[in-house]
Structure formats: structure tokens, C-alpha cells
Amino acid sequence: MKRSESIEKLTIALSKIHNELNHFKTDKAGYNFSYLSTSEIYRVALPILSKYGLALSSTNNVFVRYALP
């Protein structure tokens, strides 16, 4: 895998993205709390991430590290 010598461009992009990610509103409720659905996160975040050349990926796999015997 190719690696960057510097993460300067990434940190600048993430800083700009962080400033724009303020449009989230909870759209689901249950178990006595409100929360964001994955579809709402994607709806708001993907256009902003794309604007700065980044992406979001997710999986439904669960990885357990240091599981008890």
C-alpha cells in the first residue's frame, strides 16, 4: 500500500469538513433516546466529504478484539 509522507492535506480537508458538518438532525427514536439513522448520516456527510475529495465507507461486520475465552 502506498503511504503519504505527510498528512497535511488530509488534516486540512478534515478541518474544513468538520466546520461544515453541522446539519445533522436526529431522525429516529427508540429505547428512550433519539439518534441519527445511517441514511441521514450519508445524506448529509457524503456531499461534504466528496467536495473535499474524501469518502465514507461502512460495513455491517463486527470485529471483536481481545475476546474473552
C-alpha atoms as a PDB file:
ATOM      1  CA  MET A   1       0.000   0.000   0.000  1.00  0.00           C
ATOM      2  CA  LYS A   2       1.287   3.431  -0.891  1.00  0.00           C
ATOM      3  CA  ARG A   3       1.557   5.796   2.075  1.00  0.00           C
ATOM      4  CA  SER A   4       1.900   9.530   2.255  1.00  0.00           C
ATOM      5  CA  GLU A   5       4.910  11.099   3.880  1.00  0.00           C
ATOM      6  CA  SER A   6       2.656  13.841   5.234  1.00  0.00           C
ATOM      7  CA  ILE A   7      -0.991  14.014   6.250  1.00  0.00           C
ATOM      8  CA  GLU A   8      -1.122  17.785   5.923  1.00  0.00           C
ATOM      9  CA  LYS A   9      -3.642  17.770   3.041  1.00  0.00           C
ATOM     10  CA  LEU A  10      -5.828  15.260   4.873  1.00  0.00           C
ATOM     11  CA  THR A  11      -5.882  17.262   8.096  1.00  0.00           C
ATOM     12  CA  ILE A  12      -6.742  20.454   6.218  1.00  0.00           C
ATOM     13  CA  ALA A  13      -9.605  18.692   4.420  1.00  0.00           C
ATOM     14  CA  LEU A  14     -10.873  17.130   7.663  1.00  0.00           C
ATOM     15  CA  SER A  15     -10.816  20.507   9.373  1.00  0.00           C
ATOM     16  CA  LYS A  16     -12.907  22.052   6.594  1.00  0.00           C
ATOM     17  CA  ILE A  17     -15.318  19.113   6.658  1.00  0.00           C
ATOM     18  CA  HIS A  18     -15.685  19.366  10.418  1.00  0.00           C
ATOM     19  CA  ASN A  19     -16.739  23.003  10.068  1.00  0.00           C
ATOM     20  CA  GLU A  20     -19.481  22.053   7.609  1.00  0.00           C
ATOM     21  CA  LEU A  21     -20.895  19.001   9.398  1.00  0.00           C
ATOM     22  CA  ASN A  22     -23.441  20.859  11.473  1.00  0.00           C
ATOM     23  CA  HIS A  23     -26.629  19.970   9.621  1.00  0.00           C
ATOM     24  CA  PHE A  24     -27.415  16.699  11.352  1.00  0.00           C
ATOM     25  CA  LYS A  25     -30.802  16.283  12.974  1.00  0.00           C
ATOM     26  CA  THR A  26     -31.953  13.179  14.760  1.00  0.00           C
ATOM     27  CA  ASP A  27     -34.445  11.300  12.628  1.00  0.00           C
ATOM     28  CA  LYS A  28     -35.092   8.159  14.641  1.00  0.00           C
ATOM     29  CA  ALA A  29     -36.174   7.416  18.175  1.00  0.00           C
ATOM     30  CA  GLY A  30     -36.244   4.352  20.339  1.00  0.00           C
ATOM     31  CA  TYR A  31     -35.054   2.890  23.600  1.00  0.00           C
ATOM     32  CA  ASN A  32     -35.636   6.266  25.301  1.00  0.00           C
ATOM     33  CA  PHE A  33     -33.309   8.308  23.072  1.00  0.00           C
ATOM     34  CA  SER A  34     -33.161   9.996  19.671  1.00  0.00           C
ATOM     35  CA  TYR A  35     -30.475   9.163  17.157  1.00  0.00           C
ATOM     36  CA  LEU A  36     -29.317   9.564  13.568  1.00  0.00           C
ATOM     37  CA  SER A  37     -30.012   6.845  11.072  1.00  0.00           C
ATOM     38  CA  THR A  38     -27.225   5.712   8.792  1.00  0.00           C
ATOM     39  CA  SER A  39     -29.157   7.066   5.818  1.00  0.00           C
ATOM     40  CA  GLU A  40     -29.288  10.542   7.412  1.00  0.00           C
ATOM     41  CA  ILE A  41     -25.552  10.447   8.111  1.00  0.00           C
ATOM     42  CA  TYR A  42     -24.882   9.522   4.484  1.00  0.00           C
ATOM     43  CA  ARG A  43     -27.356  12.121   3.170  1.00  0.00           C
ATOM     44  CA  VAL A  44     -25.603  14.950   4.991  1.00  0.00           C
ATOM     45  CA  ALA A  45     -21.987  13.777   5.053  1.00  0.00           C
ATOM     46  CA  LEU A  46     -21.381  12.336   1.585  1.00  0.00           C
ATOM     47  CA  PRO A  47     -21.750  15.587  -0.393  1.00  0.00           C
ATOM     48  CA  ILE A  48     -19.463  17.412   2.043  1.00  0.00           C
ATOM     49  CA  LEU A  49     -16.851  14.648   2.039  1.00  0.00           C
ATOM     50  CA  SER A  50     -16.970  14.463  -1.744  1.00  0.00           C
ATOM     51  CA  LYS A  51     -16.452  18.219  -2.001  1.00  0.00           C
ATOM     52  CA  TYR A  52     -13.042  17.737  -0.331  1.00  0.00           C
ATOM     53  CA  GLY A  53     -12.099  14.512  -2.118  1.00  0.00           C
ATOM     54  CA  LEU A  54     -12.843  12.118   0.739  1.00  0.00           C
ATOM     55  CA  ALA A  55     -15.249   9.212   1.090  1.00  0.00           C
ATOM     56  CA  LEU A  56     -17.144   7.314   3.748  1.00  0.00           C
ATOM     57  CA  SER A  57     -17.440   3.570   3.905  1.00  0.00           C
ATOM     58  CA  SER A  58     -19.135   1.284   6.341  1.00  0.00           C
ATOM     59  CA  THR A  59     -19.700  -2.374   6.920  1.00  0.00           C
ATOM     60  CA  ASN A  60     -22.062  -4.451   8.962  1.00  0.00           C
ATOM     61  CA  ASN A  61     -19.239  -6.740  10.085  1.00  0.00           C
ATOM     62  CA  VAL A  62     -18.405  -6.756  13.768  1.00  0.00           C
ATOM     63  CA  PHE A  63     -14.835  -7.385  14.790  1.00  0.00           C
ATOM     64  CA  VAL A  64     -14.126  -8.394  18.362  1.00  0.00           C
ATOM     65  CA  ARG A  65     -10.640  -7.776  19.628  1.00  0.00           C
ATOM     66  CA  TYR A  66      -9.410  -9.330  22.848  1.00  0.00           C
ATOM     67  CA  ALA A  67     -12.474 -11.545  23.235  1.00  0.00           C
ATOM     68  CA  LEU A  68     -12.793 -13.434  26.454  1.00  0.00           C
ATOM     69  CA  PRO A  69     -12.387 -17.218  26.236  1.00  0.00           C
END
